[in-house]
PDB file of N, CA and C in Angstrom:
ATOM      1  N   MET A   1      97.625  24.383  29.323  1.00  0.00           N
ATOM      2  CA  MET A   1      96.023  24.521  29.137  1.00  0.00           C
ATOM      3  C   MET A   1      95.165  23.881  30.216  1.00  0.00           C
ATOM      4  N   SER A   2      94.164  24.590  30.326  1.00  0.00           N
ATOM      5  CA  SER A   2      93.280  24.236  31.568  1.00  0.00           C
ATOM      6  C   SER A   2      92.788  22.860  31.425  1.00  0.00           C
ATOM      7  N   THR A   3      92.423  22.467  32.457  1.00  0.00           N
ATOM      8  CA  THR A   3      91.477  21.136  32.398  1.00  0.00           C
ATOM      9  C   THR A   3      90.300  21.098  31.735  1.00  0.00           C
ATOM     10  N   ARG A   4      89.542  22.295  31.819  1.00  0.00           N
ATOM     11  CA  ARG A   4      88.336  22.578  31.043  1.00  0.00           C
ATOM     12  C   ARG A   4      88.689  22.707  29.563  1.00  0.00           C
ATOM     13  N   ALA A   5      89.699  23.382  29.068  1.00  0.00           N
ATOM     14  CA  ALA A   5      90.006  23.439  27.738  1.00  0.00           C
ATOM     15  C   ALA A   5      90.496  22.099  27.159  1.00  0.00           C
ATOM     16  N   SER A   6      91.106  21.277  27.819  1.00  0.00           N
ATOM     17  CA  SER A   6      91.642  19.975  27.460  1.00  0.00           C
ATOM     18  C   SER A   6      90.433  19.075  27.305  1.00  0.00           C
ATOM     19  N   TYR A   7      89.370  19.138  28.232  1.00  0.00           N
ATOM     20  CA  TYR A   7      88.352  18.528  28.131  1.00  0.00           C
ATOM     21  C   TYR A   7      87.448  18.741  26.727  1.00  0.00           C
ATOM     22  N   TRP A   8      87.240  20.089  26.537  1.00  0.00           N
ATOM     23  CA  TRP A   8      86.530  20.388  25.361  1.00  0.00           C
ATOM     24  C   TRP A   8      87.299  19.975  23.974  1.00  0.00           C
ATOM     25  N   LYS A   9      88.633  20.189  24.108  1.00  0.00           N
ATOM     26  CA  LYS A   9      89.364  19.726  23.075  1.00  0.00           C
ATOM     27  C   LYS A   9      89.266  18.359  22.833  1.00  0.00           C
ATOM     28  N   ALA A  10      89.269  17.418  23.787  1.00  0.00           N
ATOM     29  CA  ALA A  10      89.062  15.896  23.622  1.00  0.00           C
ATOM     30  C   ALA A  10      87.575  15.606  23.022  1.00  0.00           C
ATOM     31  N   ASN A  11      86.720  16.338  23.614  1.00  0.00           N
ATOM     32  CA  ASN A  11      85.372  16.314  23.254  1.00  0.00           C
ATOM     33  C   ASN A  11      85.036  16.536  21.915  1.00  0.00           C
ATOM     34  N   LEU A  12      85.516  17.743  21.407  1.00  0.00           N
ATOM     35  CA  LEU A  12      85.331  18.136  20.015  1.00  0.00           C
ATOM     36  C   LEU A  12      86.206  17.361  18.950  1.00  0.00           C
ATOM     37  N   ARG A  13      87.082  16.769  19.242  1.00  0.00           N
ATOM     38  CA  ARG A  13      88.024  15.751  18.560  1.00  0.00           C
ATOM     39  C   ARG A  13      87.094  14.513  18.494  1.00  0.00           C
ATOM     40  N   LEU A  14      86.324  13.903  19.504  1.00  0.00           N
ATOM     41  CA  LEU A  14      85.640  12.843  19.478  1.00  0.00           C
ATOM     42  C   LEU A  14      84.261  13.306  18.613  1.00  0.00           C
ATOM     43  N   VAL A  15      83.722  14.432  18.451  1.00  0.00           N
ATOM     44  CA  VAL A  15      82.598  14.584  17.805  1.00  0.00           C
ATOM     45  C   VAL A  15      82.808  14.592  16.423  1.00  0.00           C
ATOM     46  N   THR A  16      84.020  15.319  16.260  1.00  0.00           N
ATOM     47  CA  THR A  16      84.701  15.626  14.742  1.00  0.00           C
ATOM     48  C   THR A  16      84.905  14.065  13.986  1.00  0.00           C
ATOM     49  N   ILE A  17      85.400  13.228  14.789  1.00  0.00           N
ATOM     50  CA  ILE A  17      85.582  11.828  14.507  1.00  0.00           C
ATOM     51  C   ILE A  17      84.424  11.041  14.009  1.00  0.00           C
ATOM     52  N   CYS A  18      83.456  11.266  14.839  1.00  0.00           N
ATOM     53  CA  CYS A  18      82.185  10.629  14.663  1.00  0.00           C
ATOM     54  C   CYS A  18      81.459  11.202  13.480  1.00  0.00           C
ATOM     55  N   LEU A  19      81.504  12.513  13.321  1.00  0.00           N
ATOM     56  CA  LEU A  19      80.718  12.991  12.161  1.00  0.00           C
ATOM     57  C   LEU A  19      81.552  12.836  10.718  1.00  0.00           C
ATOM     58  N   VAL A  20      82.899  12.637  10.948  1.00  0.00           N
ATOM     59  CA  VAL A  20      83.453  12.337   9.637  1.00  0.00           C
ATOM     60  C   VAL A  20      83.012  10.834   9.242  1.00  0.00           C
ATOM     61  N   ILE A  21      83.038  10.015  10.294  1.00  0.00           N
ATOM     62  CA  ILE A  21      82.635   8.502   9.964  1.00  0.00           C
ATOM     63  C   ILE A  21      81.163   8.483   9.317  1.00  0.00           C
ATOM     64  N   TRP A  22      80.301   9.367  10.198  1.00  0.00           N
ATOM     65  CA  TRP A  22      78.977   9.262   9.750  1.00  0.00           C
ATOM     66  C   TRP A  22      78.793   9.825   8.135  1.00  0.00           C
ATOM     67  N   PHE A  23      79.505  10.915   8.042  1.00  0.00           N
ATOM     68  CA  PHE A  23      79.583  11.608   6.671  1.00  0.00           C
ATOM     69  C   PHE A  23      80.020  10.548   5.481  1.00  0.00           C
ATOM     70  N   LEU A  24      81.172   9.760   5.747  1.00  0.00           N
ATOM     71  CA  LEU A  24      81.672   8.727   4.809  1.00  0.00           C
ATOM     72  C   LEU A  24      80.688   7.788   4.537  1.00  0.00           C
ATOM     73  N   VAL A  25      79.981   7.158   5.485  1.00  0.00           N
ATOM     74  CA  VAL A  25      79.026   6.241   5.324  1.00  0.00           C
ATOM     75  C   VAL A  25      77.925   6.792   4.666  1.00  0.00           C
ATOM     76  N   SER A  26      77.279   7.751   5.108  1.00  0.00           N
ATOM     77  CA  SER A  26      75.952   8.165   4.413  1.00  0.00           C
ATOM     78  C   SER A  26      76.184   8.969   3.158  1.00  0.00           C
ATOM     79  N   PHE A  27      76.993   9.794   2.813  1.00  0.00           N
ATOM     80  CA  PHE A  27      77.255  10.696   1.788  1.00  0.00           C
ATOM     81  C   PHE A  27      78.146   9.984   0.857  1.00  0.00           C
ATOM     82  N   VAL A  28      79.375   9.715   1.138  1.00  0.00           N
ATOM     83  CA  VAL A  28      80.332   9.125   0.173  1.00  0.00           C
ATOM     84  C   VAL A  28      79.897   7.759  -0.255  1.00  0.00           C
ATOM     85  N   PHE A  29      79.621   6.870   0.665  1.00  0.00           N
ATOM     86  CA  PHE A  29      79.263   5.509   0.336  1.00  0.00           C
ATOM     87  C   PHE A  29      77.790   5.374  -0.138  1.00  0.00           C
ATOM     88  N   GLY A  30      77.030   6.177   0.380  1.00  0.00           N
ATOM     89  CA  GLY A  30      75.459   5.954   0.012  1.00  0.00           C
ATOM     90  C   GLY A  30      75.248   6.762  -1.142  1.00  0.00           C
ATOM     91  N   ILE A  31      75.890   7.765  -1.707  1.00  0.00           N
ATOM     92  CA  ILE A  31      75.656   8.617  -2.785  1.00  0.00           C
ATOM     93  C   ILE A  31      76.626   8.692  -3.625  1.00  0.00           C
ATOM     94  N   LEU A  32      77.783   9.096  -3.448  1.00  0.00           N
ATOM     95  CA  LEU A  32      78.955   9.290  -4.425  1.00  0.00           C
ATOM     96  C   LEU A  32      79.510   8.067  -4.861  1.00  0.00           C
ATOM     97  N   LEU A  33      79.659   6.901  -4.088  1.00  0.00           N
ATOM     98  CA  LEU A  33      80.181   5.682  -4.472  1.00  0.00           C
ATOM     99  C   LEU A  33      79.182   4.428  -4.700  1.00  0.00           C
ATOM    100  N   ALA A  34      77.744   5.091  -4.620  1.00  0.00           N
ATOM    101  CA  ALA A  34      76.758   4.108  -4.741  1.00  0.00           C
ATOM    102  C   ALA A  34      76.833   3.194  -5.981  1.00  0.00           C
ATOM    103  N   GLU A  35      77.120   3.752  -7.113  1.00  0.00           N
ATOM    104  CA  GLU A  35      77.094   2.852  -8.216  1.00  0.00           C
ATOM    105  C   GLU A  35      78.245   2.012  -8.350  1.00  0.00           C
ATOM    106  N   PRO A  36      79.514   2.295  -7.927  1.00  0.00           N
ATOM    107  CA  PRO A  36      80.571   1.277  -7.944  1.00  0.00           C
ATOM    108  C   PRO A  36      80.187   0.216  -6.855  1.00  0.00           C
ATOM    109  N   LEU A  37      79.645   0.678  -5.711  1.00  0.00           N
ATOM    110  CA  LEU A  37      79.255  -0.495  -4.723  1.00  0.00           C
ATOM    111  C   LEU A  37      78.252  -1.262  -4.954  1.00  0.00           C
ATOM    112  N   ASN A  38      77.365  -0.770  -6.166  1.00  0.00           N
ATOM    113  CA  ASN A  38      76.299  -1.721  -6.296  1.00  0.00           C
ATOM    114  C   ASN A  38      76.696  -3.203  -7.063  1.00  0.00           C
ATOM    115  N   ALA A  39      77.784  -3.104  -7.412  1.00  0.00           N
ATOM    116  CA  ALA A  39      78.365  -4.358  -8.131  1.00  0.00           C
ATOM    117  C   ALA A  39      78.552  -5.456  -7.028  1.00  0.00           C
ATOM    118  N   ILE A  40      78.539  -5.152  -5.879  1.00  0.00           N
ATOM    119  CA  ILE A  40      78.642  -5.932  -4.719  1.00  0.00           C
ATOM    120  C   ILE A  40      77.240  -6.108  -4.013  1.00  0.00           C
ATOM    121  N   ARG A  41      76.944  -7.424  -3.875  1.00  0.00           N
ATOM    122  CA  ARG A  41      75.718  -7.685  -3.164  1.00  0.00           C
ATOM    123  C   ARG A  41      75.709  -8.238  -1.904  1.00  0.00           C
ATOM    124  N   ILE A  42      74.911  -7.850  -0.825  1.00  0.00           N
ATOM    125  CA  ILE A  42      74.672  -8.284   0.472  1.00  0.00           C
ATOM    126  C   ILE A  42      73.167  -8.781   0.817  1.00  0.00           C
ATOM    127  N   GLY A  43      73.135 -10.012   0.885  1.00  0.00           N
ATOM    128  CA  GLY A  43      71.770 -10.399   1.116  1.00  0.00           C
ATOM    129  C   GLY A  43      70.769 -10.374   0.071  1.00  0.00           C
ATOM    130  N   GLY A  44      71.276 -10.257  -1.280  1.00  0.00           N
ATOM    131  CA  GLY A  44      70.422  -9.986  -2.381  1.00  0.00           C
ATOM    132  C   GLY A  44      70.353  -8.502  -2.808  1.00  0.00           C
ATOM    133  N   TYR A  45      70.881  -7.551  -2.010  1.00  0.00           N
ATOM    134  CA  TYR A  45      70.772  -6.199  -2.149  1.00  0.00           C
ATOM    135  C   TYR A  45      72.018  -5.601  -2.447  1.00  0.00           C
ATOM    136  N   LYS A  46      71.977  -4.540  -3.562  1.00  0.00           N
ATOM    137  CA  LYS A  46      73.090  -3.917  -3.918  1.00  0.00           C
ATOM    138  C   LYS A  46      73.843  -3.004  -2.679  1.00  0.00           C
ATOM    139  N   LEU A  47      74.983  -3.255  -2.677  1.00  0.00           N
ATOM    140  CA  LEU A  47      75.645  -2.757  -1.459  1.00  0.00           C
ATOM    141  C   LEU A  47      75.440  -1.015  -1.366  1.00  0.00           C
ATOM    142  N   GLY A  48      75.633  -0.519  -2.657  1.00  0.00           N
ATOM    143  CA  GLY A  48      75.333   0.856  -2.617  1.00  0.00           C
ATOM    144  C   GLY A  48      73.962   1.426  -2.151  1.00  0.00           C
ATOM    145  N   PHE A  49      72.960   0.569  -2.419  1.00  0.00           N
ATOM    146  CA  PHE A  49      71.697   0.658  -2.011  1.00  0.00           C
ATOM    147  C   PHE A  49      71.455   0.568  -0.640  1.00  0.00           C
ATOM    148  N   TRP A  50      72.060  -0.536   0.139  1.00  0.00           N
ATOM    149  CA  TRP A  50      72.111  -0.802   1.312  1.00  0.00           C
ATOM    150  C   TRP A  50      72.767   0.241   2.223  1.00  0.00           C
ATOM    151  N   PHE A  51      73.912   0.865   1.688  1.00  0.00           N
ATOM    152  CA  PHE A  51      74.537   1.823   2.356  1.00  0.00           C
ATOM    153  C   PHE A  51      73.498   3.140   2.523  1.00  0.00           C
ATOM    154  N   ALA A  52      72.889   3.493   1.462  1.00  0.00           N
ATOM    155  CA  ALA A  52      72.065   4.450   1.285  1.00  0.00           C
ATOM    156  C   ALA A  52      70.660   4.254   2.296  1.00  0.00           C
ATOM    157  N   GLN A  53      70.099   2.953   2.308  1.00  0.00           N
ATOM    158  CA  GLN A  53      68.933   2.876   2.953  1.00  0.00           C
ATOM    159  C   GLN A  53      69.142   2.467   4.405  1.00  0.00           C
ATOM    160  N   GLN A  54      70.163   1.725   4.605  1.00  0.00           N
ATOM    161  CA  GLN A  54      70.403   0.970   6.037  1.00  0.00           C
ATOM    162  C   GLN A  54      71.690   1.172   6.715  1.00  0.00           C
ATOM    163  N   GLY A  55      72.696   1.334   5.887  1.00  0.00           N
ATOM    164  CA  GLY A  55      73.953   1.444   6.600  1.00  0.00           C
ATOM    165  C   GLY A  55      74.063   2.559   7.299  1.00  0.00           C
ATOM    166  N   SER A  56      73.601   3.823   6.707  1.00  0.00           N
ATOM    167  CA  SER A  56      73.946   5.034   7.340  1.00  0.00           C
ATOM    168  C   SER A  56      73.155   4.989   8.776  1.00  0.00           C
ATOM    169  N   ILE A  57      71.983   4.464   8.783  1.00  0.00           N
ATOM    170  CA  ILE A  57      71.128   4.394  10.047  1.00  0.00           C
ATOM    171  C   ILE A  57      71.880   3.529  11.036  1.00  0.00           C
ATOM    172  N   TYR A  58      72.377   2.570  10.505  1.00  0.00           N
ATOM    173  CA  TYR A  58      73.031   1.520  11.600  1.00  0.00           C
ATOM    174  C   TYR A  58      74.346   2.380  12.079  1.00  0.00           C
ATOM    175  N   THR A  59      74.893   2.800  11.206  1.00  0.00           N
ATOM    176  CA  THR A  59      76.271   3.582  11.810  1.00  0.00           C
ATOM    177  C   THR A  59      75.895   4.725  12.420  1.00  0.00           C
ATOM    178  N   PHE A  60      74.927   5.454  12.073  1.00  0.00           N
ATOM    179  CA  PHE A  60      74.430   6.466  13.259  1.00  0.00           C
ATOM    180  C   PHE A  60      74.053   6.067  14.597  1.00  0.00           C
ATOM    181  N   VAL A  61      73.224   5.041  14.738  1.00  0.00           N
ATOM    182  CA  VAL A  61      72.863   4.548  15.856  1.00  0.00           C
ATOM    183  C   VAL A  61      74.185   3.979  16.718  1.00  0.00           C
ATOM    184  N   ALA A  62      74.894   3.191  15.869  1.00  0.00           N
ATOM    185  CA  ALA A  62      76.322   2.734  16.759  1.00  0.00           C
ATOM    186  C   ALA A  62      77.197   3.934  16.956  1.00  0.00           C
ATOM    187  N   LEU A  63      77.348   5.005  16.321  1.00  0.00           N
ATOM    188  CA  LEU A  63      78.149   6.023  16.774  1.00  0.00           C
ATOM    189  C   LEU A  63      77.528   6.874  17.898  1.00  0.00           C
ATOM    190  N   VAL A  64      76.202   6.839  17.979  1.00  0.00           N
ATOM    191  CA  VAL A  64      75.612   7.406  19.290  1.00  0.00           C
ATOM    192  C   VAL A  64      76.077   6.682  20.520  1.00  0.00           C
ATOM    193  N   PHE A  65      75.898   5.212  20.441  1.00  0.00           N
ATOM    194  CA  PHE A  65      76.419   4.414  21.691  1.00  0.00           C
ATOM    195  C   PHE A  65      77.874   4.665  21.699  1.00  0.00           C
ATOM    196  N   PHE A  66      78.625   4.624  20.767  1.00  0.00           N
ATOM    197  CA  PHE A  66      80.132   4.785  20.833  1.00  0.00           C
ATOM    198  C   PHE A  66      80.402   6.078  21.554  1.00  0.00           C
ATOM    199  N   TYR A  67      79.660   7.183  20.877  1.00  0.00           N
ATOM    200  CA  TYR A  67      80.004   8.480  21.470  1.00  0.00           C
ATOM    201  C   TYR A  67      79.600   8.496  23.201  1.00  0.00           C
ATOM    202  N   ALA A  68      78.754   8.053  23.571  1.00  0.00           N
ATOM    203  CA  ALA A  68      78.003   8.077  24.910  1.00  0.00           C
ATOM    204  C   ALA A  68      79.092   7.278  25.813  1.00  0.00           C
ATOM    205  N   TRP A  69      79.581   6.136  25.296  1.00  0.00           N
ATOM    206  CA  TRP A  69      80.622   5.408  26.062  1.00  0.00           C
ATOM    207  C   TRP A  69      81.904   6.280  26.206  1.00  0.00           C
ATOM    208  N   ARG A  70      82.363   6.843  25.101  1.00  0.00           N
ATOM    209  CA  ARG A  70      83.661   7.376  25.251  1.00  0.00           C
ATOM    210  C   ARG A  70      83.523   8.811  25.920  1.00  0.00           C
ATOM    211  N   VAL A  71      82.517   9.397  25.828  1.00  0.00           N
ATOM    212  CA  VAL A  71      82.245  10.730  26.503  1.00  0.00           C
ATOM    213  C   VAL A  71      82.139  10.496  27.995  1.00  0.00           C
ATOM    214  N   ASN A  72      81.792   9.315  28.408  1.00  0.00           N
ATOM    215  CA  ASN A  72      81.622   8.760  29.774  1.00  0.00           C
ATOM    216  C   ASN A  72      83.167   8.639  30.253  1.00  0.00           C
ATOM    217  N   LYS A  73      83.848   7.981  29.323  1.00  0.00           N
ATOM    218  CA  LYS A  73      85.286   7.850  29.747  1.00  0.00           C
ATOM    219  C   LYS A  73      85.931   9.116  29.886  1.00  0.00           C
ATOM    220  N   LEU A  74      85.692  10.022  29.058  1.00  0.00           N
ATOM    221  CA  LEU A  74      86.392  11.408  29.106  1.00  0.00           C
ATOM    222  C   LEU A  74      86.005  11.999  30.487  1.00  0.00           C
ATOM    223  N   ASP A  75      84.697  12.061  30.690  1.00  0.00           N
ATOM    224  CA  ASP A  75      84.182  12.552  31.957  1.00  0.00           C
ATOM    225  C   ASP A  75      84.892  12.180  33.291  1.00  0.00           C
ATOM    226  N   GLN A  76      84.987  10.953  33.230  1.00  0.00           N
ATOM    227  CA  GLN A  76      85.889  10.285  34.357  1.00  0.00           C
ATOM    228  C   GLN A  76      87.344  10.722  34.440  1.00  0.00           C
ATOM    229  N   LYS A  77      87.872  10.698  33.208  1.00  0.00           N
ATOM    230  CA  LYS A  77      89.291  11.121  33.033  1.00  0.00           C
ATOM    231  C   LYS A  77      89.562  12.530  33.486  1.00  0.00           C
ATOM    232  N   PHE A  78      88.516  13.434  33.201  1.00  0.00           N
ATOM    233  CA  PHE A  78      88.747  14.949  33.528  1.00  0.00           C
ATOM    234  C   PHE A  78      88.070  15.220  34.912  1.00  0.00           C
ATOM    235  N   GLY A  79      87.451  14.187  35.438  1.00  0.00           N
ATOM    236  CA  GLY A  79      86.803  14.385  36.667  1.00  0.00           C
ATOM    237  C   GLY A  79      85.403  15.366  36.609  1.00  0.00           C
ATOM    238  N   VAL A  80      84.545  15.173  35.682  1.00  0.00           N
ATOM    239  CA  VAL A  80      83.486  15.832  35.253  1.00  0.00           C
ATOM    240  C   VAL A  80      82.284  14.942  35.268  1.00  0.00           C
ATOM    241  N   HIS A  81      82.285  13.693  35.699  1.00  0.00           N
ATOM    242  CA  HIS A  81      81.390  12.776  35.640  1.00  0.00           C
ATOM    243  C   HIS A  81      80.312  12.930  36.773  1.00  0.00           C
ATOM    244  N   GLU A  82      79.089  12.363  36.291  1.00  0.00           N
ATOM    245  CA  GLU A  82      77.990  12.635  37.342  1.00  0.00           C
ATOM    246  C   GLU A  82      78.065  11.129  38.235  1.00  0.00           C
ATOM    247  N   ASP A  83      77.595  11.620  39.268  1.00  0.00           N
ATOM    248  CA  ASP A  83      77.511  10.481  40.342  1.00  0.00           C
ATOM    249  C   ASP A  83      76.258   9.826  40.277  1.00  0.00           C
TER     250      ASP A  83
END
């Protein structure tokens, strides 16, 4: 497999992992499991409500920084980084 193909395979794998995590936090925890999670409280707020309102946003921002960090490592590994 060429270097370019390996790079894109690794990049797509990283994107897929990030999207799955975001889907789990925003849709599964925030919508599908909201009622069972509401039995748990964080800071006075129901956990299902927190995931729907804040958790998915915090997770998205964290994933953006995580993706940028990991893709920089991939760029260096495959020799396509910017100087």
